[in-house]
N, C-alpha and C. Protein backbone atom coordinates (compact mmCIF):
# COMPACT_ATOMS: atom_id res chain seq x y z
N MET A 1 139.29 -25.36 68.43
CA MET A 1 139.38 -25.78 70.07
C MET A 1 138.28 -25.15 71.12
N ALA A 2 137.98 -26.39 71.73
CA ALA A 2 136.74 -25.82 72.72
C ALA A 2 136.68 -24.81 73.91
N ASP A 3 135.98 -23.77 73.80
CA ASP A 3 135.57 -23.04 75.27
C ASP A 3 136.02 -23.73 75.89
N SER A 4 136.93 -23.37 77.12
CA SER A 4 137.74 -23.47 78.28
C SER A 4 136.60 -23.25 79.45
N THR A 5 135.55 -22.04 79.24
CA THR A 5 134.73 -21.56 79.91
C THR A 5 133.17 -22.24 80.41
N ALA A 6 133.34 -23.36 79.04
CA ALA A 6 132.09 -23.95 78.76
C ALA A 6 131.83 -24.83 79.97
N ALA A 7 132.67 -25.37 80.42
CA ALA A 7 132.46 -26.98 81.52
C ALA A 7 132.64 -25.64 82.95
N THR A 8 132.80 -24.59 83.09
CA THR A 8 132.29 -24.14 84.57
C THR A 8 131.48 -23.07 84.50
N ARG A 9 130.86 -22.98 83.20
CA ARG A 9 129.64 -21.90 83.18
C ARG A 9 128.63 -22.28 84.11
N GLU A 10 128.11 -21.30 84.78
CA GLU A 10 126.82 -21.52 85.32
C GLU A 10 125.69 -21.81 84.84
N PRO A 11 124.54 -22.90 84.93
CA PRO A 11 123.70 -22.66 84.55
C PRO A 11 122.49 -21.25 84.13
N ARG A 12 121.77 -21.28 82.48
CA ARG A 12 121.52 -19.82 82.69
C ARG A 12 120.54 -19.47 83.46
N ALA A 13 120.45 -18.39 84.23
CA ALA A 13 119.34 -18.53 85.34
C ALA A 13 118.56 -17.45 84.45
N HIS A 14 117.28 -18.13 84.30
CA HIS A 14 115.48 -17.13 83.58
C HIS A 14 115.35 -16.35 84.69
N ASP A 15 115.39 -15.35 83.90
CA ASP A 15 115.13 -13.70 84.22
C ASP A 15 113.44 -14.18 84.82
N THR A 16 113.18 -13.42 85.83
CA THR A 16 111.76 -13.68 86.52
C THR A 16 110.96 -13.20 85.85
N ARG A 17 110.92 -12.20 84.73
CA ARG A 17 109.95 -11.81 83.92
C ARG A 17 109.34 -12.35 82.88
N GLU A 18 110.71 -12.82 82.24
CA GLU A 18 110.74 -13.51 81.37
C GLU A 18 110.21 -15.04 81.51
N ALA A 19 110.03 -15.57 82.81
CA ALA A 19 109.51 -16.98 83.49
C ALA A 19 107.60 -16.47 83.65
N VAL A 20 107.22 -15.19 84.44
CA VAL A 20 106.21 -14.93 84.43
C VAL A 20 105.56 -14.75 83.15
N LEU A 21 106.20 -13.98 82.10
CA LEU A 21 105.47 -13.77 81.13
C LEU A 21 105.30 -15.02 80.50
N PHE A 22 106.34 -15.82 80.21
CA PHE A 22 106.13 -17.51 79.22
C PHE A 22 105.41 -18.61 79.98
N GLY A 23 105.67 -18.36 81.12
CA GLY A 23 104.88 -19.31 82.40
C GLY A 23 103.35 -19.16 82.38
N GLY A 24 102.89 -18.06 82.14
CA GLY A 24 101.92 -16.96 82.79
C GLY A 24 101.20 -17.25 81.24
N VAL A 25 101.81 -17.07 80.12
CA VAL A 25 100.60 -16.86 78.75
C VAL A 25 100.40 -18.66 78.52
N TYR A 26 102.06 -19.47 78.22
CA TYR A 26 101.49 -20.62 78.26
C TYR A 26 100.74 -21.36 79.40
N GLY A 27 100.39 -21.16 80.45
CA GLY A 27 99.55 -21.16 81.22
C GLY A 27 97.98 -21.05 80.64
N ALA A 28 97.76 -19.60 80.27
CA ALA A 28 96.80 -19.51 80.29
C ALA A 28 95.67 -19.71 78.81
N VAL A 29 96.83 -19.91 77.65
CA VAL A 29 96.77 -20.39 76.46
C VAL A 29 96.21 -21.92 76.69
N LEU A 30 96.99 -22.42 77.60
CA LEU A 30 96.97 -24.08 78.01
C LEU A 30 95.09 -24.14 78.79
N ALA A 31 95.13 -23.16 79.75
CA ALA A 31 93.59 -23.44 80.55
C ALA A 31 92.32 -23.15 79.09
N CYS A 32 92.59 -21.97 78.27
CA CYS A 32 91.95 -21.85 77.23
C CYS A 32 91.81 -23.52 76.38
N SER A 33 92.68 -23.52 75.96
CA SER A 33 92.85 -24.80 75.13
C SER A 33 92.43 -26.37 75.62
N MET A 34 92.24 -26.52 77.22
CA MET A 34 91.36 -27.14 78.15
C MET A 34 90.17 -27.34 78.34
N VAL A 35 89.65 -26.09 78.67
CA VAL A 35 88.43 -25.78 78.37
C VAL A 35 88.08 -25.90 77.39
N ALA A 36 88.12 -25.71 76.14
CA ALA A 36 87.78 -25.97 74.75
C ALA A 36 87.34 -27.61 74.73
N ALA A 37 88.48 -28.32 75.00
CA ALA A 37 88.47 -29.59 74.64
C ALA A 37 87.82 -30.72 75.95
N LEU A 38 87.64 -29.97 76.65
CA LEU A 38 87.09 -30.55 77.62
C LEU A 38 85.53 -29.99 78.10
N THR A 39 85.33 -29.35 77.34
CA THR A 39 83.49 -28.90 77.08
C THR A 39 83.07 -28.94 75.84
N GLN A 40 83.79 -29.99 74.79
CA GLN A 40 83.78 -30.24 73.71
C GLN A 40 82.42 -30.89 73.63
N TYR A 41 81.78 -31.86 73.99
CA TYR A 41 81.61 -32.74 74.32
C TYR A 41 80.02 -32.50 74.94
N GLY A 42 79.60 -30.85 75.61
CA GLY A 42 78.47 -30.76 76.25
C GLY A 42 78.11 -30.91 77.52
N HIS A 43 79.17 -31.60 78.18
CA HIS A 43 79.15 -32.19 79.80
C HIS A 43 79.13 -30.73 80.55
N THR A 44 77.46 -30.59 80.88
CA THR A 44 77.90 -29.53 81.34
C THR A 44 77.14 -29.74 83.31
N SER A 45 77.88 -30.84 83.82
CA SER A 45 76.97 -31.09 85.54
C SER A 45 77.81 -30.75 85.66
N ALA A 46 77.34 -30.91 87.66
CA ALA A 46 78.46 -29.99 88.33
C ALA A 46 79.50 -31.30 88.65
N ALA A 47 79.32 -32.25 88.47
CA ALA A 47 80.23 -33.68 88.35
C ALA A 47 81.54 -33.57 87.32
N SER A 48 80.77 -33.29 85.93
CA SER A 48 82.20 -32.78 84.74
C SER A 48 82.40 -31.88 85.46
N ARG A 49 82.36 -30.46 85.57
CA ARG A 49 82.97 -29.40 86.37
C ARG A 49 84.28 -29.89 86.92
N ARG A 50 83.67 -30.35 88.10
CA ARG A 50 84.92 -30.56 88.86
C ARG A 50 85.87 -31.82 88.63
N TYR A 51 85.29 -32.21 87.58
CA TYR A 51 86.22 -33.56 86.46
C TYR A 51 87.54 -32.84 85.78
N ASP A 52 86.95 -31.40 85.65
CA ASP A 52 87.82 -30.78 84.18
C ASP A 52 88.53 -29.91 85.20
N ALA A 53 87.99 -29.61 86.20
CA ALA A 53 89.13 -28.67 86.85
C ALA A 53 90.04 -29.76 87.67
N LEU A 54 89.73 -30.87 87.92
CA LEU A 54 90.81 -31.20 88.18
C LEU A 54 91.50 -31.82 86.90
N TRP A 55 91.38 -32.33 85.95
CA TRP A 55 92.23 -32.58 84.88
C TRP A 55 93.20 -31.67 84.58
N LEU A 56 92.63 -30.26 84.40
CA LEU A 56 93.05 -28.93 83.91
C LEU A 56 94.28 -28.93 85.43
N LEU A 57 94.09 -29.20 86.21
CA LEU A 57 95.10 -28.61 87.60
C LEU A 57 96.52 -29.83 86.79
N VAL A 58 95.72 -31.12 86.92
CA VAL A 58 97.03 -32.22 86.36
C VAL A 58 97.77 -31.93 85.41
N THR A 59 97.00 -31.27 84.09
CA THR A 59 97.75 -31.33 83.04
C THR A 59 98.75 -29.86 83.19
N ALA A 60 98.28 -29.21 84.22
CA ALA A 60 98.79 -27.47 84.24
C ALA A 60 100.36 -28.45 85.07
N PHE A 61 100.33 -29.32 86.02
CA PHE A 61 101.50 -29.87 86.66
C PHE A 61 102.12 -30.20 85.72
N ALA A 62 101.68 -31.12 85.09
CA ALA A 62 102.38 -31.99 83.53
C ALA A 62 102.97 -31.20 82.71
N SER A 63 102.53 -30.28 82.35
CA SER A 63 103.71 -29.35 81.63
C SER A 63 104.18 -28.83 82.22
N ALA A 64 103.77 -28.30 83.48
CA ALA A 64 105.32 -27.44 84.25
C ALA A 64 106.33 -28.30 84.28
N LEU A 65 105.86 -29.75 84.77
CA LEU A 65 107.23 -30.90 84.79
C LEU A 65 107.96 -31.05 83.54
N ALA A 66 107.35 -31.29 82.77
CA ALA A 66 108.03 -31.13 81.34
C ALA A 66 108.87 -30.23 80.97
N HIS A 67 107.95 -28.94 81.05
CA HIS A 67 108.99 -27.84 80.36
C HIS A 67 109.74 -27.40 81.49
N GLY A 68 109.72 -27.75 82.74
CA GLY A 68 111.03 -27.54 83.38
C GLY A 68 112.34 -28.88 83.32
N TYR A 69 111.83 -29.91 83.29
CA TYR A 69 112.65 -30.94 82.69
C TYR A 69 113.38 -30.75 81.57
N ALA A 70 112.72 -30.05 80.41
CA ALA A 70 113.44 -30.02 79.12
C ALA A 70 114.51 -28.59 79.69
N HIS A 71 113.73 -27.76 80.13
CA HIS A 71 115.37 -26.93 80.65
C HIS A 71 116.72 -27.30 81.49
N TYR A 72 115.87 -28.25 82.01
CA TYR A 72 117.22 -28.94 82.67
C TYR A 72 117.86 -29.98 82.06
N ILE A 73 117.37 -30.41 80.91
CA ILE A 73 118.24 -31.72 80.57
C ILE A 73 119.07 -30.47 78.89
N ALA A 74 118.50 -29.68 78.88
CA ALA A 74 118.90 -28.76 77.32
C ALA A 74 120.49 -28.12 77.71
N GLU A 75 119.91 -27.51 79.24
CA GLU A 75 121.53 -26.95 79.70
C GLU A 75 123.43 -28.00 79.50
N ARG A 76 123.57 -27.35 78.82
CA ARG A 76 124.96 -27.70 78.71
C ARG A 76 126.00 -27.82 79.44
N SER A 77 125.96 -26.98 80.80
CA SER A 77 126.85 -27.19 81.71
C SER A 77 126.51 -28.14 82.84
N PRO A 78 127.84 -28.58 83.71
CA PRO A 78 127.10 -29.20 84.67
C PRO A 78 126.35 -28.91 85.58
N HIS A 79 125.18 -29.93 86.37
CA HIS A 79 124.59 -29.52 87.33
C HIS A 79 124.90 -29.67 88.59
N ARG A 80 124.35 -28.88 89.47
CA ARG A 80 124.77 -29.30 90.65
C ARG A 80 123.59 -29.91 91.55
N ARG A 81 123.88 -30.16 92.59
CA ARG A 81 122.72 -31.37 93.44
C ARG A 81 121.38 -30.79 93.09
N TRP A 82 120.95 -29.26 93.16
CA TRP A 82 119.38 -28.81 93.62
C TRP A 82 118.88 -28.58 92.14
N ASP A 83 120.23 -28.33 90.97
CA ASP A 83 119.54 -27.71 90.29
C ASP A 83 118.19 -28.38 89.32
N ALA A 84 117.94 -29.42 89.32
CA ALA A 84 116.46 -29.90 88.62
C ALA A 84 115.44 -29.56 89.63
N LEU A 85 115.36 -29.56 91.22
CA LEU A 85 114.65 -28.81 91.76
C LEU A 85 114.03 -27.80 91.31
N HIS A 86 115.28 -27.02 91.53
CA HIS A 86 115.26 -25.38 91.11
C HIS A 86 114.69 -25.00 89.84
N THR A 87 115.18 -26.03 88.83
CA THR A 87 114.49 -25.44 87.30
C THR A 87 113.16 -25.77 87.12
N LEU A 88 112.46 -26.93 87.86
CA LEU A 88 111.31 -27.21 87.88
C LEU A 88 110.49 -26.22 88.83
N ALA A 89 110.86 -25.81 89.80
CA ALA A 89 110.32 -24.19 90.80
C ALA A 89 110.26 -23.34 89.77
N ASP A 90 111.04 -23.00 88.50
CA ASP A 90 111.00 -21.80 88.08
C ASP A 90 109.66 -21.97 87.16
N GLU A 91 108.63 -23.29 87.26
CA GLU A 91 107.82 -23.51 86.58
C GLU A 91 106.58 -23.01 87.06
N TRP A 92 106.66 -22.15 88.27
CA TRP A 92 105.33 -22.13 88.73
C TRP A 92 104.22 -20.75 87.94
N PRO A 93 104.97 -19.97 87.55
CA PRO A 93 104.18 -19.10 86.40
C PRO A 93 103.12 -19.97 85.81
N LEU A 94 103.09 -21.07 85.30
CA LEU A 94 102.30 -21.72 84.27
C LEU A 94 101.35 -22.24 85.17
N VAL A 95 101.81 -23.05 86.30
CA VAL A 95 100.88 -23.35 87.24
C VAL A 95 99.90 -22.41 87.52
N ALA A 96 100.22 -21.14 88.49
CA ALA A 96 99.55 -19.93 88.31
C ALA A 96 98.63 -19.77 87.60
N ALA A 97 98.77 -19.41 86.45
CA ALA A 97 98.14 -18.64 85.50
C ALA A 97 96.73 -20.10 85.32
N VAL A 98 96.96 -21.06 85.32
CA VAL A 98 95.53 -21.70 85.01
C VAL A 98 94.87 -21.58 86.64
N LEU A 99 94.89 -21.15 87.62
CA LEU A 99 94.66 -21.81 88.88
C LEU A 99 93.34 -20.97 88.77
N PRO A 100 93.20 -19.44 88.64
CA PRO A 100 91.82 -18.63 88.28
C PRO A 100 90.84 -19.43 87.49
N THR A 101 91.30 -20.60 86.37
CA THR A 101 90.36 -21.18 85.43
C THR A 101 89.96 -22.75 86.06
N VAL A 102 90.61 -23.04 86.93
CA VAL A 102 90.68 -24.49 88.03
C VAL A 102 89.49 -24.07 88.81
N PHE A 103 89.62 -22.34 89.40
CA PHE A 103 88.33 -22.14 90.47
C PHE A 103 87.23 -22.22 89.76
N LEU A 104 87.49 -21.50 88.61
CA LEU A 104 86.52 -20.72 88.20
C LEU A 104 85.40 -22.47 87.71
N LEU A 105 86.30 -23.75 87.22
CA LEU A 105 85.36 -24.55 86.76
C LEU A 105 85.39 -25.44 88.18
N ALA A 106 85.92 -25.50 88.95
CA ALA A 106 86.05 -25.85 90.52
C ALA A 106 83.91 -25.53 91.24
N GLY A 107 84.13 -24.21 91.28
CA GLY A 107 83.03 -23.31 91.73
C GLY A 107 81.68 -23.83 91.23
N SER A 108 82.23 -23.98 89.74
CA SER A 108 80.64 -24.61 89.17
C SER A 108 80.09 -25.78 89.36
N GLY A 109 81.19 -26.49 89.92
CA GLY A 109 81.31 -28.38 90.07
C GLY A 109 80.59 -28.07 91.71
N TRP A 110 81.14 -27.03 92.55
CA TRP A 110 80.91 -26.74 93.67
C TRP A 110 79.30 -26.73 93.86
N GLY A 111 78.31 -26.05 92.70
CA GLY A 111 77.55 -25.34 93.11
C GLY A 111 77.72 -23.73 93.63
N TRP A 112 78.58 -23.21 92.85
CA TRP A 112 78.52 -21.68 93.40
C TRP A 112 78.35 -20.61 92.55
N TRP A 113 78.20 -21.52 91.14
CA TRP A 113 77.83 -20.63 89.73
C TRP A 113 77.07 -21.53 89.10
N PRO A 114 76.36 -21.55 88.26
CA PRO A 114 75.80 -23.07 87.25
C PRO A 114 76.71 -23.73 86.56
N PRO A 115 76.54 -24.87 86.80
CA PRO A 115 78.18 -25.38 85.30
C PRO A 115 77.95 -25.10 83.96
N LYS A 116 76.55 -24.79 83.48
CA LYS A 116 76.34 -24.64 82.53
C LYS A 116 76.78 -23.32 81.64
N GLY A 117 77.53 -23.52 80.83
CA GLY A 117 77.81 -22.18 80.23
C GLY A 117 78.98 -21.53 80.41
N VAL A 118 79.43 -22.05 81.84
CA VAL A 118 80.94 -21.82 82.47
C VAL A 118 82.13 -21.38 81.51
N GLU A 119 81.84 -22.17 80.66
CA GLU A 119 83.73 -22.10 79.82
C GLU A 119 83.50 -20.50 79.01
N HIS A 120 82.41 -19.86 78.78
CA HIS A 120 82.29 -18.43 78.25
C HIS A 120 83.11 -17.42 79.23
N PRO A 121 83.13 -17.77 80.38
CA PRO A 121 83.94 -16.95 81.45
C PRO A 121 84.96 -17.23 81.49
N ALA A 122 85.01 -18.59 81.13
CA ALA A 122 86.51 -18.76 81.76
C ALA A 122 87.56 -18.18 80.34
N PHE A 123 86.48 -18.60 78.76
CA PHE A 123 87.72 -17.78 78.30
C PHE A 123 87.91 -16.47 77.83
N VAL A 124 86.76 -15.65 78.54
CA VAL A 124 87.09 -13.86 78.70
C VAL A 124 87.88 -13.80 79.94
N LEU A 125 88.05 -14.89 80.87
CA LEU A 125 88.91 -14.88 82.01
C LEU A 125 90.38 -15.06 81.37
N ASN A 126 90.38 -15.88 80.50
CA ASN A 126 91.98 -16.48 80.08
C ASN A 126 92.30 -15.06 79.21
N ILE A 127 91.33 -14.27 78.30
CA ILE A 127 91.80 -13.55 77.67
C ILE A 127 92.67 -11.99 77.69
N VAL A 128 91.46 -11.77 79.26
CA VAL A 128 92.21 -10.87 80.74
C VAL A 128 93.32 -11.22 80.71
N ILE A 129 93.52 -12.18 81.53
CA ILE A 129 94.84 -12.80 82.32
C ILE A 129 96.09 -12.28 80.72
N LEU A 130 95.74 -12.86 79.67
CA LEU A 130 96.48 -12.50 78.79
C LEU A 130 97.32 -11.52 78.25
N PHE A 131 96.52 -10.46 78.38
CA PHE A 131 96.50 -9.28 78.24
C PHE A 131 97.14 -8.63 79.28
N GLY A 132 96.97 -8.95 80.63
CA GLY A 132 97.29 -8.45 82.04
C GLY A 132 98.92 -8.51 81.82
N LEU A 133 98.82 -10.12 81.54
CA LEU A 133 100.37 -10.07 81.60
C LEU A 133 101.23 -9.22 80.53
N GLY A 134 100.64 -9.90 78.92
CA GLY A 134 101.58 -8.81 78.42
C GLY A 134 102.00 -7.35 78.68
N LEU A 135 100.73 -6.65 79.37
CA LEU A 135 100.71 -5.33 79.67
C LEU A 135 101.51 -5.01 80.74
N PHE A 136 101.83 -6.62 81.69
CA PHE A 136 102.70 -6.13 82.76
C PHE A 136 103.87 -6.25 82.84
N THR A 137 104.09 -7.24 81.81
CA THR A 137 105.75 -7.68 81.50
C THR A 137 106.37 -6.66 80.67
N ALA A 138 105.91 -5.81 79.73
CA ALA A 138 105.54 -4.99 78.56
C ALA A 138 106.25 -3.62 80.17
N ARG A 139 105.62 -2.99 80.99
CA ARG A 139 106.02 -2.59 82.22
C ARG A 139 106.87 -1.98 82.55
N TRP A 140 106.98 -4.10 82.93
CA TRP A 140 108.12 -3.81 83.96
C TRP A 140 109.20 -3.99 83.19
N SER A 141 109.32 -4.03 81.89
CA SER A 141 110.47 -4.54 80.94
C SER A 141 111.22 -2.56 80.70
N ALA A 142 110.10 -1.94 81.19
CA ALA A 142 110.17 -0.04 80.99
C ALA A 142 109.55 -0.45 79.53
N ARG A 143 108.94 -0.37 79.11
CA ARG A 143 108.29 -0.35 77.77
C ARG A 143 107.07 0.82 77.76
N ARG A 144 107.13 1.83 76.92
CA ARG A 144 106.50 2.73 76.98
C ARG A 144 104.49 2.02 77.41
N TRP A 145 103.67 2.85 77.32
CA TRP A 145 102.72 2.24 77.60
C TRP A 145 102.02 2.08 75.96
N PRO A 146 101.87 2.76 74.89
CA PRO A 146 101.88 2.39 73.68
C PRO A 146 102.18 0.77 73.56
N ALA A 147 103.42 0.53 73.71
CA ALA A 147 103.86 -0.53 72.89
C ALA A 147 103.69 -1.36 73.68
N ALA A 148 103.62 -1.45 75.63
CA ALA A 148 102.98 -1.80 76.11
C ALA A 148 101.49 -2.89 75.91
N LEU A 149 100.71 -1.72 75.95
CA LEU A 149 98.94 -1.93 75.29
C LEU A 149 98.82 -3.25 73.76
N VAL A 150 100.23 -2.82 73.26
CA VAL A 150 99.81 -3.67 71.73
C VAL A 150 100.51 -4.69 72.20
N THR A 151 101.43 -5.41 73.09
CA THR A 151 101.84 -6.28 74.03
C THR A 151 100.78 -7.15 74.34
N GLY A 152 100.04 -6.75 75.06
CA GLY A 152 98.94 -6.86 75.93
C GLY A 152 98.12 -7.66 75.04
N MET A 153 97.89 -6.80 74.03
CA MET A 153 96.70 -6.79 72.84
C MET A 153 97.23 -8.30 72.13
N VAL A 154 98.79 -8.56 71.84
CA VAL A 154 98.68 -9.59 70.71
C VAL A 154 98.94 -10.91 71.93
N ASP A 155 99.23 -10.54 73.04
CA ASP A 155 98.82 -11.76 74.23
C ASP A 155 97.49 -12.07 74.23
N ALA A 156 96.65 -11.28 74.10
CA ALA A 156 95.06 -11.64 74.42
C ALA A 156 94.52 -12.22 73.15
N LEU A 157 95.56 -11.67 71.89
CA LEU A 157 95.25 -12.22 70.19
C LEU A 157 95.07 -14.03 70.52
N LEU A 158 96.37 -14.47 71.48
CA LEU A 158 96.44 -15.85 71.82
C LEU A 158 95.24 -16.59 72.22
N GLY A 159 94.56 -15.71 73.29
CA GLY A 159 93.23 -16.41 73.55
C GLY A 159 92.13 -16.14 72.17
N VAL A 160 91.83 -15.47 72.21
CA VAL A 160 91.06 -15.33 71.23
C VAL A 160 91.03 -16.35 70.09
N ILE A 161 92.50 -16.59 69.50
CA ILE A 161 92.69 -17.34 68.41
C ILE A 161 92.04 -19.11 69.07
N VAL A 162 92.33 -19.22 69.99
CA VAL A 162 91.80 -20.68 71.04
C VAL A 162 90.22 -20.40 70.50
N VAL A 163 89.96 -19.43 70.90
CA VAL A 163 88.16 -19.69 70.95
C VAL A 163 87.83 -19.43 69.87
N VAL A 164 88.54 -18.79 68.69
CA VAL A 164 87.80 -18.68 67.39
C VAL A 164 88.11 -20.56 67.01
N ALA A 165 88.78 -21.03 67.20
CA ALA A 165 89.38 -22.12 66.64
C ALA A 165 88.13 -23.44 66.82
N ASN A 166 88.02 -22.90 68.24
CA ASN A 166 87.07 -24.42 69.21
C ASN A 166 86.03 -23.77 68.83
N ALA A 167 85.19 -22.05 68.24
CA ALA A 167 83.83 -22.20 67.55
C ALA A 167 84.33 -23.24 65.81
N LEU A 168 85.16 -22.79 65.33
CA LEU A 168 85.22 -23.18 64.23
C LEU A 168 85.06 -24.83 63.51
N ILE A 169 85.95 -25.33 65.25
CA ILE A 169 85.60 -26.68 65.10
C ILE A 169 84.67 -27.60 65.82
N LYS A 170 83.90 -26.97 66.44
CA LYS A 170 82.73 -27.50 66.72
C LYS A 170 81.84 -27.33 65.64
């Protein structure tokens, strides 16, 4: 017998902490991966850094749209008129997490700092973001400091894995 409440059930509202942690971690790892991929061939001109910043931003928006759309179609309950837009808007942490790296790449493209070697500060920045996201969300979830620090370190390890993989692949 089918569950009669399934047809009337509201779509699952995603917890803000869950959205910030998931989207933020995904965005920071995406930024690390994109910086590794876009700098693989040694293009270090100001124009290439502006291009890298733009592609990182485009990729973040495309990823957020794809992820939001997947959430929307995966919900089994009926949808209301604006549910798709609300689901897509819930993906803001993913885009927000890549903005510091976009700023770093664009700034080197605009001549604020040298474009050569900007990937190293970008990797460090994203590892710090990953650590901070893990720590912040663990504390927000009322976890004790030792557990929050471990969570932050595990999140940061994701960025370190991308950096190590990039070094090994080159």
